[in-house]
């Protein structure tokens, strides 16, 4: 039993109809499509996509892929599911190729490599299997927890049991621990995000997923009418963009500096998301200029290095920066780090 449509789908979807496509050919029936119907749909699909490929212009997406000697693997489901440094039981994978790629970039970014599971200072990562949204999400997730004063610690209960248990009989268990806010700065672990008006919409969605406040939200709710870059004091939703040596759509470094200083002076940790090739304009933010402008100012407000205390009684603490600058891609990979 299936429900009946309230109206014809071709009518309901009229506003998004595609020239050259007969929607009726692609309608799925409860009993499925016959061989003839299926072939008619595939023929129309091929004609449409080939035509669009020949006329495609405007997005950074290569429409002239030639898989060549790699084409034989298109008939296989190669899946590097899970940790690149754990073999796993899905053996049709290419993790042995993934690891050298990760090592290459770890060395390029001056990280400690190769990865060692027992060395918490060595790098960890993985090669994205989709667009850069996933990489941006992972980077900003780390940024949020780093700036919010969170740390992974050994679970006390498991650690206590390990004292009397046979060696290596209990797996190591880690739990998140949140540092207490210092009494003199209630904003110390409330990250505030900055990104330009040309930033891909996926970054905005990621902020919602991670529950990270943007300068617009925080400014509008906590500091209404006090924006330092507008005449009326109203907060813009994103940092303005300008033209520049790197092309149109670059973040306005002057505006960014004023906005960041407003919140840095009030003790907020700073999260800046710079673009590394936007989808619509191919815009590159001047990361070097952003760093040169922001770092002295962040140092002025003590955000170049700060002590994060987790357990005063045991003297458990960490030294971290109070800022995070991330290069975010849209159709390219993402780079992140404090």
Protein backbone atom coordinates (compact mmCIF):
# COMPACT_ATOMS: atom_id res chain seq x y z
CA UNK A 1 0.00 0.00 0.00
CA UNK A 2 1.29 3.45 -0.93
CA UNK A 3 -0.20 6.89 -0.48
CA UNK A 4 -1.65 8.74 -3.45
CA UNK A 5 -0.14 12.08 -4.52
CA UNK A 6 -2.05 15.21 -3.51
CA UNK A 7 -1.36 16.53 -7.01
CA UNK A 8 0.75 15.63 -10.02
CA UNK A 9 4.47 15.90 -9.20
CA UNK A 10 5.06 17.60 -12.57
CA UNK A 11 2.71 20.37 -11.41
CA UNK A 12 4.15 20.58 -7.89
CA UNK A 13 7.70 20.74 -9.24
CA UNK A 14 6.96 23.09 -12.13
CA UNK A 15 9.16 25.82 -10.67
CA UNK A 16 12.23 23.56 -10.84
CA UNK A 17 11.44 21.87 -14.17
CA UNK A 18 14.47 21.24 -16.41
CA UNK A 19 14.38 21.87 -20.13
CA UNK A 20 14.79 18.65 -22.08
CA UNK A 21 13.72 16.42 -19.19
CA UNK A 22 10.36 14.63 -19.08
CA UNK A 23 9.68 14.16 -15.36
CA UNK A 24 7.21 11.37 -16.11
CA UNK A 25 10.05 9.18 -17.41
CA UNK A 26 11.75 9.25 -14.02
CA UNK A 27 8.69 8.70 -11.82
CA UNK A 28 9.15 5.51 -9.78
CA UNK A 29 6.22 3.11 -9.69
CA UNK A 30 5.46 0.67 -6.85
CA UNK A 31 6.14 -2.20 -9.25
CA UNK A 32 9.30 -0.56 -10.61
CA UNK A 33 10.18 0.39 -14.19
CA UNK A 34 10.07 -1.96 -17.13
CA UNK A 35 13.24 -2.49 -19.17
CA UNK A 36 11.89 -0.22 -21.89
CA UNK A 37 10.97 2.54 -19.42
CA UNK A 38 14.31 2.27 -17.70
CA UNK A 39 16.22 2.53 -20.99
CA UNK A 40 14.17 5.55 -22.09
CA UNK A 41 14.99 7.31 -18.82
CA UNK A 42 18.71 6.50 -19.08
CA UNK A 43 18.84 7.69 -22.72
CA UNK A 44 17.32 11.03 -21.77
CA UNK A 45 19.63 11.27 -18.75
CA UNK A 46 22.72 10.71 -20.92
CA UNK A 47 21.64 13.26 -23.54
CA UNK A 48 20.95 15.90 -20.89
CA UNK A 49 24.18 15.43 -18.89
CA UNK A 50 26.43 15.30 -21.97
CA UNK A 51 24.85 18.52 -23.24
CA UNK A 52 25.26 20.27 -19.89
CA UNK A 53 28.88 19.12 -19.60
CA UNK A 54 29.74 20.73 -22.94
CA UNK A 55 28.28 24.08 -21.79
CA UNK A 56 29.25 24.05 -18.12
CA UNK A 57 30.95 27.18 -16.79
CA UNK A 58 31.12 28.95 -13.45
CA UNK A 59 32.04 26.45 -10.75
CA UNK A 60 35.42 25.01 -9.78
CA UNK A 61 34.51 21.49 -10.81
CA UNK A 62 36.47 19.62 -13.44
CA UNK A 63 34.13 18.15 -16.04
CA UNK A 64 36.89 16.53 -18.09
CA UNK A 65 38.03 13.75 -15.81
CA UNK A 66 39.99 10.96 -17.46
CA UNK A 67 40.53 8.08 -15.08
CA UNK A 68 42.85 6.26 -17.50
CA UNK A 69 44.76 3.48 -15.75
CA UNK A 70 42.66 3.98 -12.62
CA UNK A 71 39.38 3.21 -14.44
CA UNK A 72 39.54 -0.48 -13.47
CA UNK A 73 38.94 0.51 -9.85
CA UNK A 74 35.64 2.20 -10.71
CA UNK A 75 34.06 -1.25 -10.70
CA UNK A 76 35.20 -1.91 -7.12
CA UNK A 77 33.95 -0.56 -3.81
CA UNK A 78 37.21 0.61 -2.25
CA UNK A 79 36.43 1.92 1.20
CA UNK A 80 38.96 3.29 3.70
CA UNK A 81 36.40 3.29 6.48
CA UNK A 82 37.76 3.96 9.95
CA UNK A 83 41.16 5.02 11.23
CA UNK A 84 43.86 5.10 8.50
CA UNK A 85 46.30 3.63 11.03
CA UNK A 86 44.09 0.65 11.93
CA UNK A 87 43.78 -2.13 9.37
CA UNK A 88 40.15 -2.98 10.12
CA UNK A 89 38.15 -5.85 8.67
CA UNK A 90 37.03 -4.15 5.44
CA UNK A 91 40.07 -5.34 3.52
CA UNK A 92 39.15 -3.83 0.13
CA UNK A 93 40.83 -0.56 1.00
CA UNK A 94 43.79 1.66 0.08
CA UNK A 95 44.94 2.71 3.56
CA UNK A 96 48.51 1.77 2.59
CA UNK A 97 48.28 4.60 0.02
CA UNK A 98 46.43 6.96 2.35
CA UNK A 99 49.15 6.87 5.02
CA UNK A 100 51.98 8.12 2.74
CA UNK A 101 49.75 11.01 1.61
CA UNK A 102 49.09 11.94 5.24
CA UNK A 103 52.81 11.66 6.07
CA UNK A 104 53.63 13.98 3.17
CA UNK A 105 51.33 16.73 4.42
CA UNK A 106 52.35 16.17 8.04
CA UNK A 107 55.96 16.83 7.06
CA UNK A 108 54.92 19.82 4.93
CA UNK A 109 53.09 21.36 7.90
CA UNK A 110 55.95 20.59 10.32
CA UNK A 111 53.90 18.12 12.34
CA UNK A 112 55.53 15.25 14.23
CA UNK A 113 55.40 12.20 11.98
CA UNK A 114 54.90 9.34 11.33
CA UNK A 115 51.80 8.74 13.42
CA UNK A 116 52.42 6.78 16.61
CA UNK A 117 49.34 5.59 18.49
CA UNK A 118 51.12 5.85 21.85
CA UNK A 119 52.51 9.33 21.19
CA UNK A 120 49.82 11.97 21.73
CA UNK A 121 52.10 14.60 20.18
CA UNK A 122 52.33 12.86 16.80
CA UNK A 123 49.88 13.90 14.11
CA UNK A 124 46.65 12.17 13.15
CA UNK A 125 44.44 12.75 10.13
CA UNK A 126 42.67 11.21 7.19
CA UNK A 127 42.09 11.91 3.50
CA UNK A 128 38.66 13.34 2.76
CA UNK A 129 36.33 11.21 0.69
CA UNK A 130 33.98 14.06 -0.20
CA UNK A 131 33.98 17.84 -0.49
CA UNK A 132 35.85 20.07 1.92
CA UNK A 133 32.83 20.57 4.19
CA UNK A 134 33.90 17.49 6.12
CA UNK A 135 37.42 18.85 6.57
CA UNK A 136 36.11 22.25 7.61
CA UNK A 137 33.81 20.60 10.14
CA UNK A 138 36.60 18.53 11.65
CA UNK A 139 38.92 21.53 11.85
CA UNK A 140 36.33 23.81 13.45
CA UNK A 141 35.29 21.07 15.85
CA UNK A 142 38.88 20.91 17.07
CA UNK A 143 38.98 24.71 17.19
CA UNK A 144 35.87 24.88 19.35
CA UNK A 145 37.13 22.33 21.89
CA UNK A 146 40.64 23.79 21.95
CA UNK A 147 39.44 27.35 22.56
CA UNK A 148 36.69 26.23 24.95
CA UNK A 149 39.24 24.71 27.33
CA UNK A 150 38.36 21.07 26.79
CA UNK A 151 40.88 18.24 27.11
CA UNK A 152 40.91 14.45 26.90
CA UNK A 153 41.96 12.85 30.18
CA UNK A 154 42.23 9.27 31.41
CA UNK A 155 38.97 8.11 32.94
CA UNK A 156 39.62 8.03 36.72
CA UNK A 157 37.52 4.91 37.27
CA UNK A 158 39.31 2.96 34.53
CA UNK A 159 42.70 4.22 35.70
CA UNK A 160 41.97 3.08 39.26
CA UNK A 161 41.03 -0.41 38.10
CA UNK A 162 44.18 -0.62 35.97
CA UNK A 163 46.32 -0.46 39.13
CA UNK A 164 45.26 -3.94 40.25
CA UNK A 165 44.42 -5.45 36.84
CA UNK A 166 46.90 -7.53 34.80
CA UNK A 167 49.05 -5.49 32.41
CA UNK A 168 47.23 -4.33 29.27
CA UNK A 169 44.05 -6.18 30.29
CA UNK A 170 41.98 -2.97 30.39
CA UNK A 171 41.65 -0.72 27.34
CA UNK A 172 42.56 2.90 27.88
CA UNK A 173 39.45 5.07 28.27
CA UNK A 174 39.51 8.82 27.70
CA UNK A 175 36.86 11.31 28.78
CA UNK A 176 36.34 14.99 28.00
CA UNK A 177 37.11 17.38 30.80
CA UNK A 178 36.07 21.04 30.79
CA UNK A 179 38.32 23.59 32.47
CA UNK A 180 36.62 25.97 34.90
CA UNK A 181 36.37 29.58 33.78
CA UNK A 182 38.75 31.94 35.62
CA UNK A 183 36.91 34.26 38.00
CA UNK A 184 38.32 37.38 36.35
CA UNK A 185 37.19 36.43 32.82
CA UNK A 186 33.76 34.82 32.31
CA UNK A 187 34.34 34.92 28.52
CA UNK A 188 37.58 32.93 28.58
CA UNK A 189 36.09 29.76 27.08
CA UNK A 190 33.44 31.21 24.78
CA UNK A 191 34.91 31.12 21.26
CA UNK A 192 33.64 33.74 18.79
CA UNK A 193 33.86 33.09 15.05
CA UNK A 194 34.77 35.47 12.22
CA UNK A 195 34.48 34.81 8.47
CA UNK A 196 33.86 36.92 5.37
CA UNK A 197 30.66 37.48 3.44
CA UNK A 198 32.12 35.36 0.63
CA UNK A 199 32.57 32.33 2.87
CA UNK A 200 30.78 29.19 1.72
CA UNK A 201 27.42 28.58 3.38
CA UNK A 202 28.67 25.25 4.75
CA UNK A 203 30.78 27.17 7.29
CA UNK A 204 27.65 28.90 8.55
CA UNK A 205 25.89 25.54 8.91
CA UNK A 206 28.90 24.12 10.73
CA UNK A 207 28.74 26.93 13.27
CA UNK A 208 25.13 25.94 13.97
CA UNK A 209 26.02 22.26 14.30
CA UNK A 210 28.89 23.00 16.69
CA UNK A 211 26.94 25.68 18.58
CA UNK A 212 29.70 28.26 18.05
CA UNK A 213 28.65 31.90 18.36
CA UNK A 214 29.56 34.24 15.53
CA UNK A 215 30.56 37.85 16.19
CA UNK A 216 27.21 38.90 14.68
CA UNK A 217 25.17 36.79 17.11
CA UNK A 218 27.25 37.65 20.14
CA UNK A 219 27.42 41.32 19.21
CA UNK A 220 23.70 41.60 18.52
CA UNK A 221 22.71 39.85 21.76
CA UNK A 222 25.37 41.10 24.18
CA UNK A 223 26.60 44.38 22.66
CA UNK A 224 23.74 45.87 20.59
CA UNK A 225 24.57 49.07 18.73
CA UNK A 226 28.30 48.85 19.50
CA UNK A 227 29.74 47.52 16.23
CA UNK A 228 33.07 49.30 15.58
CA UNK A 229 32.88 49.20 11.76
CA UNK A 230 29.39 50.54 11.01
CA UNK A 231 28.09 54.09 11.35
CA UNK A 232 24.89 53.03 13.11
CA UNK A 233 26.55 50.44 15.34
CA UNK A 234 24.57 47.57 13.85
CA UNK A 235 26.44 44.30 13.48
CA UNK A 236 26.91 42.84 9.95
CA UNK A 237 26.34 39.12 9.64
CA UNK A 238 29.82 38.53 8.20
CA UNK A 239 33.09 40.41 7.86
CA UNK A 240 32.95 42.57 4.68
CA UNK A 241 34.85 41.48 1.59
CA UNK A 242 36.93 43.66 -0.73
CA UNK A 243 38.96 43.36 -3.91
CA UNK A 244 42.69 42.94 -3.55
CA UNK A 245 45.93 41.49 -4.85
CA UNK A 246 44.46 37.99 -4.48
CA UNK A 247 41.30 38.88 -6.43
CA UNK A 248 37.70 39.81 -5.58
CA UNK A 249 36.02 38.47 -2.47
CA UNK A 250 39.02 38.78 -0.09
CA UNK A 251 38.25 39.44 3.55
CA UNK A 252 38.59 43.10 4.57
CA UNK A 253 41.59 42.90 6.91
CA UNK A 254 40.97 46.39 8.34
CA UNK A 255 37.40 45.49 9.28
CA UNK A 256 38.47 42.10 10.61
CA UNK A 257 41.07 43.70 12.87
CA UNK A 258 38.55 46.09 14.42
CA UNK A 259 35.97 43.37 14.94
CA UNK A 260 38.46 40.93 16.46
CA UNK A 261 39.87 43.59 18.79
CA UNK A 262 36.38 44.40 20.09
CA UNK A 263 35.97 40.82 21.34
CA UNK A 264 39.62 40.10 22.19
CA UNK A 265 39.64 43.12 24.51
CA UNK A 266 36.72 41.53 26.36
CA UNK A 267 38.53 38.22 26.87
CA UNK A 268 36.88 36.10 24.17
CA UNK A 269 39.02 33.47 22.39
CA UNK A 270 39.12 34.19 18.65
CA UNK A 271 38.28 31.79 15.82
CA UNK A 272 39.05 33.14 12.32
CA UNK A 273 38.07 31.20 9.21
CA UNK A 274 40.01 32.33 6.12
CA UNK A 275 39.01 31.26 2.63
CA UNK A 276 41.29 29.25 0.40
CA UNK A 277 39.46 29.43 -2.90
CA UNK A 278 35.72 30.08 -2.64
CA UNK A 279 33.23 28.23 -4.80
CA UNK A 280 31.69 31.26 -6.44
CA UNK A 281 34.59 33.73 -6.88
CA UNK A 282 37.66 31.59 -6.29
CA UNK A 283 38.56 34.12 -3.56
CA UNK A 284 41.69 33.76 -1.46
CA UNK A 285 41.98 35.60 1.83
CA UNK A 286 45.38 37.13 2.53
CA UNK A 287 46.33 34.85 5.43
CA UNK A 288 49.76 36.44 5.82
CA UNK A 289 48.24 39.91 6.13
CA UNK A 290 45.64 38.59 8.60
CA UNK A 291 48.37 37.07 10.75
CA UNK A 292 50.59 40.15 10.71
CA UNK A 293 47.68 42.38 11.66
CA UNK A 294 46.05 40.18 14.31
CA UNK A 295 48.90 38.50 16.14
CA UNK A 296 50.39 41.62 17.79
CA UNK A 297 46.92 42.68 18.87
CA UNK A 298 46.07 39.21 20.23
CA UNK A 299 49.33 39.28 22.19
CA UNK A 300 48.33 42.66 23.61
CA UNK A 301 45.25 41.04 25.17
CA UNK A 302 47.05 37.93 26.40
CA UNK A 303 45.67 35.58 23.77
CA UNK A 304 49.06 34.62 22.34
CA UNK A 305 49.53 32.22 25.26
CA UNK A 306 47.31 31.45 28.23
CA UNK A 307 47.16 28.86 30.98
CA UNK A 308 44.17 26.54 30.95
CA UNK A 309 43.70 24.96 34.39
CA UNK A 310 41.78 21.66 34.63
CA UNK A 311 42.43 20.61 38.21
CA UNK A 312 43.97 23.22 40.53
CA UNK A 313 44.33 20.69 43.36
CA UNK A 314 46.54 18.42 41.26
CA UNK A 315 48.18 21.25 39.34
CA UNK A 316 46.83 19.90 36.09
CA UNK A 317 46.98 22.59 33.41
CA UNK A 318 47.93 23.29 29.80
CA UNK A 319 49.32 26.26 27.89
CA UNK A 320 47.42 27.20 24.75
CA UNK A 321 46.84 30.09 22.44
CA UNK A 322 43.57 31.94 22.75
CA UNK A 323 43.07 32.04 19.00
CA UNK A 324 42.67 29.67 16.05
CA UNK A 325 43.13 30.63 12.41
CA UNK A 326 41.81 28.15 9.89
CA UNK A 327 42.11 28.08 6.12
CA UNK A 328 38.79 26.76 4.85
CA UNK A 329 38.32 25.22 1.43
CA UNK A 330 35.09 24.69 -0.46
CA UNK A 331 36.14 22.40 -3.28
CA UNK A 332 39.69 21.97 -2.01
CA UNK A 333 41.09 20.47 1.16
CA UNK A 334 41.14 22.35 4.45
CA UNK A 335 44.06 23.21 6.69
CA UNK A 336 43.56 23.89 10.36
CA UNK A 337 45.59 24.58 13.44
CA UNK A 338 46.10 26.96 16.35
